[in-house]
Amino acid sequence: MMTIPNPVLMIILFTSLVTGCATNEAMESLQTPIVQTPAMTPYVIRPGDELDIKFFYNPELNETVTVRPDGKISLQLIDEKQAAGLTPGKLDELLSEEYARELKMPVLTVIVRSFSAQRIYVGGEVNRQGLINLPHGMTILQAVFEAGGLKDTARPEETMVIRKGPDNQPIPLRLDLAAAFYGKGNGTDFLLQPADIVYVPKSPIAKANQFVNQYIERLLLFRGVSFGFTYEINDFKW
C-alpha cells in the first residue's frame, strides 16, 4: 500500500533544506575575505621627466623638453607652462587651449619619453630601510627583497602600503606578505607606484622583548646583575 506523504512534513523538510543551504552559503561568504585591489592612478608628470610635444598639422613645432626642477617647461610660441603635477592628458588639454590662440588647428599630443628616477620608501622590520628605485612593474615582494629581506622580528601578514590618494590624502592598504611568499593572497602581484611607502611592522613578541629591554633591563636593572629570586603563581615557579 502506497503511503501518501504528509504535505506539512514535506514543507518543513523543504524549508529546512533551503534554510540550511542559505546558512552554509552565508557562513562561506563570511569566511571568505574580500580583497579589493586599488585601481592604478594615472601617471603624473614629475620634474626630470622628458616629454615629446608632437603636432599633427604643424610638425615644425615638434620638440622634446625636460621638465625643470620648478616643474615648468619652455615651449615655442607660448613660453613657459607648468607641467609637473599634471597628467599627460591634462597637459595635452591645456597646451591645446594655449596654442589655439596662435594656430588654427592645434592638434597635438604629449608623450612621456623618459621618466625621472621613481622611488619608494621601505621601512619597518626590513634589513635595509630607506629609499629604493622603482623600476616599472616592481611588486611589493621584490621591493622587500631589494631592501634586504625581512628581519626575524617582522610580522609580514600585517604589512602596510601607504599610497598618495586624491588631494594628497594618504590611503593605507593592508597586504599579507606571509601568504604572498607562497604565491597566495593579495600581495603576490601587487604593483607599487611612485612615492609609495611600504611598512612592515614588528611582531608582538618582538614588541614585548623591546619593552623588556628598554624599560626593565636598561632603566631598572644593571646589565649582568641577577637578583636571584623567583616567585610562584598557582604553584607555577617563574
C-alpha atoms as a PDB file:
ATOM      1  CA  MET A   1       0.000   0.000   0.000  1.00  0.00           C
ATOM      2  CA  MET A   2       1.447   3.352  -1.055  1.00  0.00           C
ATOM      3  CA  THR A   3       1.817   5.926   1.677  1.00  0.00           C
ATOM      4  CA  ILE A   4       0.906   9.491   0.670  1.00  0.00           C
ATOM      5  CA  PRO A   5       3.469  11.943   2.055  1.00  0.00           C
ATOM      6  CA  ASN A   6       2.219  14.423   4.580  1.00  0.00           C
ATOM      7  CA  PRO A   7       2.176  17.880   2.854  1.00  0.00           C
ATOM      8  CA  VAL A   8       3.020  19.662   6.090  1.00  0.00           C
ATOM      9  CA  LEU A   9       6.010  17.389   6.690  1.00  0.00           C
ATOM     10  CA  MET A  10       7.247  17.975   3.131  1.00  0.00           C
ATOM     11  CA  ILE A  11       7.036  21.734   3.570  1.00  0.00           C
ATOM     12  CA  ILE A  12       9.001  21.516   6.823  1.00  0.00           C
ATOM     13  CA  LEU A  13      11.702  19.365   5.202  1.00  0.00           C
ATOM     14  CA  PHE A  14      11.957  21.660   2.183  1.00  0.00           C
ATOM     15  CA  THR A  15      12.198  24.761   4.394  1.00  0.00           C
ATOM     16  CA  SER A  16      14.953  23.128   6.472  1.00  0.00           C
ATOM     17  CA  LEU A  17      16.980  22.247   3.380  1.00  0.00           C
ATOM     18  CA  VAL A  18      16.673  25.750   1.917  1.00  0.00           C
ATOM     19  CA  THR A  19      17.494  27.381   5.252  1.00  0.00           C
ATOM     20  CA  GLY A  20      20.484  25.076   5.734  1.00  0.00           C
ATOM     21  CA  CYS A  21      21.870  25.873   2.264  1.00  0.00           C
ATOM     22  CA  ALA A  22      21.390  29.591   2.800  1.00  0.00           C
ATOM     23  CA  THR A  23      23.095  29.370   6.178  1.00  0.00           C
ATOM     24  CA  ASN A  24      26.059  27.474   4.705  1.00  0.00           C
ATOM     25  CA  GLU A  25      26.382  29.996   1.870  1.00  0.00           C
ATOM     26  CA  ALA A  26      26.251  32.872   4.347  1.00  0.00           C
ATOM     27  CA  MET A  27      28.918  31.257   6.519  1.00  0.00           C
ATOM     28  CA  GLU A  28      31.141  30.663   3.489  1.00  0.00           C
ATOM     29  CA  SER A  29      30.744  34.274   2.401  1.00  0.00           C
ATOM     30  CA  LEU A  30      31.685  35.465   5.881  1.00  0.00           C
ATOM     31  CA  GLN A  31      34.756  33.241   5.979  1.00  0.00           C
ATOM     32  CA  THR A  32      35.991  34.340   2.537  1.00  0.00           C
ATOM     33  CA  PRO A  33      37.881  37.630   2.789  1.00  0.00           C
ATOM     34  CA  ILE A  34      37.013  40.283   0.241  1.00  0.00           C
ATOM     35  CA  VAL A  35      40.182  41.702  -1.258  1.00  0.00           C
ATOM     36  CA  GLN A  36      39.944  44.956  -3.175  1.00  0.00           C
ATOM     37  CA  THR A  37      42.887  45.812  -5.378  1.00  0.00           C
ATOM     38  CA  PRO A  38      43.249  49.575  -5.756  1.00  0.00           C
ATOM     39  CA  ALA A  39      42.968  50.879  -9.278  1.00  0.00           C
ATOM     40  CA  MET A  40      46.097  52.223 -10.887  1.00  0.00           C
ATOM     41  CA  THR A  41      46.081  56.005 -10.751  1.00  0.00           C
ATOM     42  CA  PRO A  42      47.001  57.989 -13.881  1.00  0.00           C
ATOM     43  CA  TYR A  43      50.660  58.894 -14.200  1.00  0.00           C
ATOM     44  CA  VAL A  44      51.535  62.383 -13.005  1.00  0.00           C
ATOM     45  CA  ILE A  45      54.386  64.266 -14.684  1.00  0.00           C
ATOM     46  CA  ARG A  46      57.363  64.978 -12.426  1.00  0.00           C
ATOM     47  CA  PRO A  47      60.456  67.170 -12.570  1.00  0.00           C
ATOM     48  CA  GLY A  48      63.143  65.452 -14.638  1.00  0.00           C
ATOM     49  CA  ASP A  49      60.684  63.735 -16.999  1.00  0.00           C
ATOM     50  CA  GLU A  50      61.415  64.129 -20.689  1.00  0.00           C
ATOM     51  CA  LEU A  51      58.369  64.982 -22.801  1.00  0.00           C
ATOM     52  CA  ASP A  52      57.710  64.802 -26.525  1.00  0.00           C
ATOM     53  CA  ILE A  53      55.319  67.508 -27.753  1.00  0.00           C
ATOM     54  CA  LYS A  54      54.109  66.446 -31.196  1.00  0.00           C
ATOM     55  CA  PHE A  55      51.826  68.403 -33.561  1.00  0.00           C
ATOM     56  CA  PHE A  56      49.768  66.669 -36.237  1.00  0.00           C
ATOM     57  CA  TYR A  57      49.416  69.630 -38.602  1.00  0.00           C
ATOM     58  CA  ASN A  58      52.429  71.688 -37.508  1.00  0.00           C
ATOM     59  CA  PRO A  59      55.391  69.295 -37.266  1.00  0.00           C
ATOM     60  CA  GLU A  60      57.810  72.236 -37.305  1.00  0.00           C
ATOM     61  CA  LEU A  61      56.704  72.906 -33.717  1.00  0.00           C
ATOM     62  CA  ASN A  62      57.552  69.388 -32.529  1.00  0.00           C
ATOM     63  CA  GLU A  63      60.070  69.384 -29.718  1.00  0.00           C
ATOM     64  CA  THR A  64      61.425  67.365 -26.833  1.00  0.00           C
ATOM     65  CA  VAL A  65      61.603  69.154 -23.495  1.00  0.00           C
ATOM     66  CA  THR A  66      62.697  68.241 -19.974  1.00  0.00           C
ATOM     67  CA  VAL A  67      60.589  69.258 -17.003  1.00  0.00           C
ATOM     68  CA  ARG A  68      62.677  71.660 -14.941  1.00  0.00           C
ATOM     69  CA  PRO A  69      63.111  71.369 -11.159  1.00  0.00           C
ATOM     70  CA  ASP A  70      60.483  74.108 -10.761  1.00  0.00           C
ATOM     71  CA  GLY A  71      58.029  71.904 -12.654  1.00  0.00           C
ATOM     72  CA  LYS A  72      57.797  74.057 -15.780  1.00  0.00           C
ATOM     73  CA  ILE A  73      58.638  73.532 -19.451  1.00  0.00           C
ATOM     74  CA  SER A  74      59.595  76.110 -22.089  1.00  0.00           C
ATOM     75  CA  LEU A  75      57.815  75.879 -25.444  1.00  0.00           C
ATOM     76  CA  GLN A  76      57.709  77.756 -28.726  1.00  0.00           C
ATOM     77  CA  LEU A  77      55.064  80.474 -29.126  1.00  0.00           C
ATOM     78  CA  ILE A  78      53.568  80.102 -25.641  1.00  0.00           C
ATOM     79  CA  ASP A  79      56.709  80.313 -23.492  1.00  0.00           C
ATOM     80  CA  GLU A  80      56.693  78.661 -20.022  1.00  0.00           C
ATOM     81  CA  LYS A  81      53.972  76.361 -18.775  1.00  0.00           C
ATOM     82  CA  GLN A  82      53.525  74.280 -15.628  1.00  0.00           C
ATOM     83  CA  ALA A  83      53.836  70.550 -16.366  1.00  0.00           C
ATOM     84  CA  ALA A  84      54.721  68.829 -13.082  1.00  0.00           C
ATOM     85  CA  GLY A  85      51.695  67.667 -11.165  1.00  0.00           C
ATOM     86  CA  LEU A  86      49.586  67.180 -14.317  1.00  0.00           C
ATOM     87  CA  THR A  87      48.763  64.006 -16.173  1.00  0.00           C
ATOM     88  CA  PRO A  88      49.897  63.872 -19.830  1.00  0.00           C
ATOM     89  CA  GLY A  89      46.248  64.095 -20.891  1.00  0.00           C
ATOM     90  CA  LYS A  90      45.637  67.212 -18.798  1.00  0.00           C
ATOM     91  CA  LEU A  91      48.790  68.888 -20.105  1.00  0.00           C
ATOM     92  CA  ASP A  92      47.698  68.000 -23.649  1.00  0.00           C
ATOM     93  CA  GLU A  93      44.374  69.729 -22.995  1.00  0.00           C
ATOM     94  CA  LEU A  94      45.964  72.882 -21.537  1.00  0.00           C
ATOM     95  CA  LEU A  95      48.539  73.195 -24.326  1.00  0.00           C
ATOM     96  CA  SER A  96      45.825  72.773 -26.958  1.00  0.00           C
ATOM     97  CA  GLU A  97      43.953  75.713 -25.422  1.00  0.00           C
ATOM     98  CA  GLU A  98      47.106  77.845 -25.367  1.00  0.00           C
ATOM     99  CA  TYR A  99      48.128  77.032 -28.948  1.00  0.00           C
ATOM    100  CA  ALA A 100      44.563  77.705 -30.160  1.00  0.00           C
ATOM    101  CA  ARG A 101      45.384  81.395 -29.788  1.00  0.00           C
ATOM    102  CA  GLU A 102      48.240  81.046 -32.272  1.00  0.00           C
ATOM    103  CA  LEU A 103      47.196  78.189 -34.577  1.00  0.00           C
ATOM    104  CA  LYS A 104      44.011  77.343 -36.467  1.00  0.00           C
ATOM    105  CA  MET A 105      44.054  73.607 -35.743  1.00  0.00           C
ATOM    106  CA  PRO A 106      46.372  72.898 -32.788  1.00  0.00           C
ATOM    107  CA  VAL A 107      46.090  69.100 -32.759  1.00  0.00           C
ATOM    108  CA  LEU A 108      48.884  67.842 -30.515  1.00  0.00           C
ATOM    109  CA  THR A 109      49.807  65.063 -28.132  1.00  0.00           C
ATOM    110  CA  VAL A 110      52.052  64.836 -25.089  1.00  0.00           C
ATOM    111  CA  ILE A 111      54.202  61.705 -24.740  1.00  0.00           C
ATOM    112  CA  VAL A 112      56.372  60.942 -21.710  1.00  0.00           C
ATOM    113  CA  ARG A 113      59.595  59.945 -23.464  1.00  0.00           C
ATOM    114  CA  SER A 114      61.585  59.048 -20.346  1.00  0.00           C
ATOM    115  CA  PHE A 115      60.826  59.115 -16.657  1.00  0.00           C
ATOM    116  CA  SER A 116      62.786  60.670 -13.867  1.00  0.00           C
ATOM    117  CA  ALA A 117      64.069  58.298 -11.201  1.00  0.00           C
ATOM    118  CA  GLN A 118      60.991  56.919  -9.434  1.00  0.00           C
ATOM    119  CA  ARG A 119      61.463  55.843  -5.853  1.00  0.00           C
ATOM    120  CA  ILE A 120      59.590  54.333  -2.940  1.00  0.00           C
ATOM    121  CA  TYR A 121      60.374  54.028   0.768  1.00  0.00           C
ATOM    122  CA  VAL A 122      60.588  50.654   2.502  1.00  0.00           C
ATOM    123  CA  GLY A 123      60.711  50.749   6.290  1.00  0.00           C
ATOM    124  CA  GLY A 124      59.959  48.809   9.428  1.00  0.00           C
ATOM    125  CA  GLU A 125      61.302  45.306  10.016  1.00  0.00           C
ATOM    126  CA  VAL A 126      63.473  45.025   6.901  1.00  0.00           C
ATOM    127  CA  ASN A 127      67.254  44.765   6.896  1.00  0.00           C
ATOM    128  CA  ARG A 128      67.877  47.968   4.933  1.00  0.00           C
ATOM    129  CA  GLN A 129      65.352  50.729   5.495  1.00  0.00           C
ATOM    130  CA  GLY A 130      65.310  53.612   3.070  1.00  0.00           C
ATOM    131  CA  LEU A 131      64.529  54.799  -0.441  1.00  0.00           C
ATOM    132  CA  ILE A 132      64.893  52.390  -3.344  1.00  0.00           C
ATOM    133  CA  ASN A 133      64.479  52.925  -7.067  1.00  0.00           C
ATOM    134  CA  LEU A 134      61.197  51.781  -8.547  1.00  0.00           C
ATOM    135  CA  PRO A 135      61.520  50.088 -11.938  1.00  0.00           C
ATOM    136  CA  HIS A 136      58.375  49.515 -13.941  1.00  0.00           C
ATOM    137  CA  GLY A 137      56.384  46.519 -12.719  1.00  0.00           C
ATOM    138  CA  MET A 138      58.031  46.128  -9.303  1.00  0.00           C
ATOM    139  CA  THR A 139      55.909  44.152  -6.853  1.00  0.00           C
ATOM    140  CA  ILE A 140      55.877  44.602  -3.109  1.00  0.00           C
ATOM    141  CA  LEU A 141      57.707  41.295  -2.634  1.00  0.00           C
ATOM    142  CA  GLN A 142      60.503  42.453  -4.937  1.00  0.00           C
ATOM    143  CA  ALA A 143      60.738  45.731  -3.022  1.00  0.00           C
ATOM    144  CA  VAL A 144      61.120  43.907   0.300  1.00  0.00           C
ATOM    145  CA  PHE A 145      63.871  41.688  -1.157  1.00  0.00           C
ATOM    146  CA  GLU A 146      65.573  44.803  -2.546  1.00  0.00           C
ATOM    147  CA  ALA A 147      65.511  46.205   0.999  1.00  0.00           C
ATOM    148  CA  GLY A 148      67.471  43.197   2.264  1.00  0.00           C
ATOM    149  CA  GLY A 149      64.554  40.962   3.165  1.00  0.00           C
ATOM    150  CA  LEU A 150      62.623  40.648   6.396  1.00  0.00           C
ATOM    151  CA  LYS A 151      64.053  40.579   9.896  1.00  0.00           C
ATOM    152  CA  ASP A 152      63.209  37.739  12.259  1.00  0.00           C
ATOM    153  CA  THR A 153      61.106  40.204  14.236  1.00  0.00           C
ATOM    154  CA  ALA A 154      58.871  41.083  11.258  1.00  0.00           C
ATOM    155  CA  ARG A 155      55.146  40.498  11.053  1.00  0.00           C
ATOM    156  CA  PRO A 156      54.677  40.216   7.264  1.00  0.00           C
ATOM    157  CA  GLU A 157      50.967  39.382   7.402  1.00  0.00           C
ATOM    158  CA  GLU A 158      50.294  42.936   8.648  1.00  0.00           C
ATOM    159  CA  THR A 159      52.347  44.772   6.000  1.00  0.00           C
ATOM    160  CA  MET A 160      51.024  48.207   5.061  1.00  0.00           C
ATOM    161  CA  VAL A 161      51.379  50.267   1.896  1.00  0.00           C
ATOM    162  CA  ILE A 162      50.700  53.978   2.289  1.00  0.00           C
ATOM    163  CA  ARG A 163      49.690  55.425  -1.077  1.00  0.00           C
ATOM    164  CA  LYS A 164      49.016  59.016  -2.047  1.00  0.00           C
ATOM    165  CA  GLY A 165      45.359  59.421  -2.944  1.00  0.00           C
ATOM    166  CA  PRO A 166      43.215  62.283  -4.215  1.00  0.00           C
ATOM    167  CA  ASP A 167      44.143  65.688  -2.774  1.00  0.00           C
ATOM    168  CA  ASN A 168      47.377  64.080  -1.486  1.00  0.00           C
ATOM    169  CA  GLN A 169      45.456  62.203   1.210  1.00  0.00           C
ATOM    170  CA  PRO A 170      47.237  59.001   2.388  1.00  0.00           C
ATOM    171  CA  ILE A 171      45.458  55.730   1.632  1.00  0.00           C
ATOM    172  CA  PRO A 172      46.542  52.765   3.833  1.00  0.00           C
ATOM    173  CA  LEU A 173      46.429  49.336   2.178  1.00  0.00           C
ATOM    174  CA  ARG A 174      46.945  46.138   4.173  1.00  0.00           C
ATOM    175  CA  LEU A 175      48.748  43.235   2.473  1.00  0.00           C
ATOM    176  CA  ASP A 176      49.576  39.729   3.648  1.00  0.00           C
ATOM    177  CA  LEU A 177      53.198  39.124   2.645  1.00  0.00           C
ATOM    178  CA  ALA A 178      53.321  35.894   4.645  1.00  0.00           C
ATOM    179  CA  ALA A 179      50.829  34.381   2.193  1.00  0.00           C
ATOM    180  CA  ALA A 180      52.468  36.105  -0.781  1.00  0.00           C
ATOM    181  CA  PHE A 181      55.710  34.218  -0.134  1.00  0.00           C
ATOM    182  CA  TYR A 182      53.780  31.051  -1.046  1.00  0.00           C
ATOM    183  CA  GLY A 183      52.042  32.577  -4.047  1.00  0.00           C
ATOM    184  CA  LYS A 184      48.778  33.238  -2.238  1.00  0.00           C
ATOM    185  CA  GLY A 185      46.842  36.244  -1.030  1.00  0.00           C
ATOM    186  CA  ASN A 186      46.637  39.811  -2.303  1.00  0.00           C
ATOM    187  CA  GLY A 187      50.358  40.573  -2.198  1.00  0.00           C
ATOM    188  CA  THR A 188      51.584  38.246  -4.935  1.00  0.00           C
ATOM    189  CA  ASP A 189      51.052  40.607  -7.864  1.00  0.00           C
ATOM    190  CA  PHE A 190      50.551  43.925  -6.061  1.00  0.00           C
ATOM    191  CA  LEU A 191      52.386  46.543  -8.143  1.00  0.00           C
ATOM    192  CA  LEU A 192      53.918  49.535  -6.417  1.00  0.00           C
ATOM    193  CA  GLN A 193      53.560  53.114  -7.596  1.00  0.00           C
ATOM    194  CA  PRO A 194      55.951  56.069  -7.248  1.00  0.00           C
ATOM    195  CA  ALA A 195      56.048  57.603  -3.756  1.00  0.00           C
ATOM    196  CA  ASP A 196      54.510  54.504  -2.103  1.00  0.00           C
ATOM    197  CA  ILE A 197      55.604  53.779   1.467  1.00  0.00           C
ATOM    198  CA  VAL A 198      55.961  50.106   2.405  1.00  0.00           C
ATOM    199  CA  TYR A 199      55.952  49.422   6.147  1.00  0.00           C
ATOM    200  CA  VAL A 200      56.497  46.004   7.730  1.00  0.00           C
ATOM    201  CA  PRO A 201      55.512  46.099  11.430  1.00  0.00           C
ATOM    202  CA  LYS A 202      57.164  44.385  14.358  1.00  0.00           C
ATOM    203  CA  SER A 203      55.730  41.147  15.717  1.00  0.00           C
ATOM    204  CA  PRO A 204      54.038  41.179  19.158  1.00  0.00           C
ATOM    205  CA  ILE A 205      56.830  39.024  20.628  1.00  0.00           C
ATOM    206  CA  ALA A 206      59.442  41.440  19.328  1.00  0.00           C
ATOM    207  CA  LYS A 207      57.495  44.332  20.833  1.00  0.00           C
ATOM    208  CA  ALA A 208      57.416  42.546  24.200  1.00  0.00           C
ATOM    209  CA  ASN A 209      61.163  41.906  24.034  1.00  0.00           C
ATOM    210  CA  GLN A 210      61.744  45.539  23.170  1.00  0.00           C
ATOM    211  CA  PHE A 211      59.649  46.618  26.150  1.00  0.00           C
ATOM    212  CA  VAL A 212      61.602  44.368  28.497  1.00  0.00           C
ATOM    213  CA  ASN A 213      64.878  45.613  27.056  1.00  0.00           C
ATOM    214  CA  GLN A 214      64.015  49.323  27.247  1.00  0.00           C
ATOM    215  CA  TYR A 215      62.001  49.601  30.439  1.00  0.00           C
ATOM    216  CA  ILE A 216      63.362  46.842  32.641  1.00  0.00           C
ATOM    217  CA  GLU A 217      66.875  45.926  31.627  1.00  0.00           C
ATOM    218  CA  ARG A 218      68.003  49.445  30.781  1.00  0.00           C
ATOM    219  CA  LEU A 219      66.041  51.506  33.291  1.00  0.00           C
ATOM    220  CA  LEU A 220      65.604  49.300  36.350  1.00  0.00           C
ATOM    221  CA  LEU A 221      68.308  46.667  36.338  1.00  0.00           C
ATOM    222  CA  PHE A 222      72.049  46.737  35.861  1.00  0.00           C
ATOM    223  CA  ARG A 223      73.327  44.689  32.968  1.00  0.00           C
ATOM    224  CA  GLY A 224      74.838  41.379  34.069  1.00  0.00           C
ATOM    225  CA  VAL A 225      73.327  41.562  37.551  1.00  0.00           C
ATOM    226  CA  SER A 226      70.838  38.939  38.660  1.00  0.00           C
ATOM    227  CA  PHE A 227      68.751  39.362  41.794  1.00  0.00           C
ATOM    228  CA  GLY A 228      68.418  35.585  42.069  1.00  0.00           C
ATOM    229  CA  PHE A 229      64.802  35.429  43.193  1.00  0.00           C
ATOM    230  CA  THR A 230      61.729  33.571  41.996  1.00  0.00           C
ATOM    231  CA  TYR A 231      58.050  33.854  42.661  1.00  0.00           C
ATOM    232  CA  GLU A 232      55.147  31.451  42.395  1.00  0.00           C
ATOM    233  CA  ILE A 233      51.687  31.825  40.897  1.00  0.00           C
ATOM    234  CA  ASN A 234      49.302  28.887  41.411  1.00  0.00           C
ATOM    235  CA  ASP A 235      52.228  26.585  42.211  1.00  0.00           C
ATOM    236  CA  PHE A 236      53.996  27.523  38.948  1.00  0.00           C
ATOM    237  CA  LYS A 237      57.518  28.795  39.525  1.00  0.00           C
ATOM    238  CA  TRP A 238      58.951  31.586  37.364  1.00  0.00           C
END
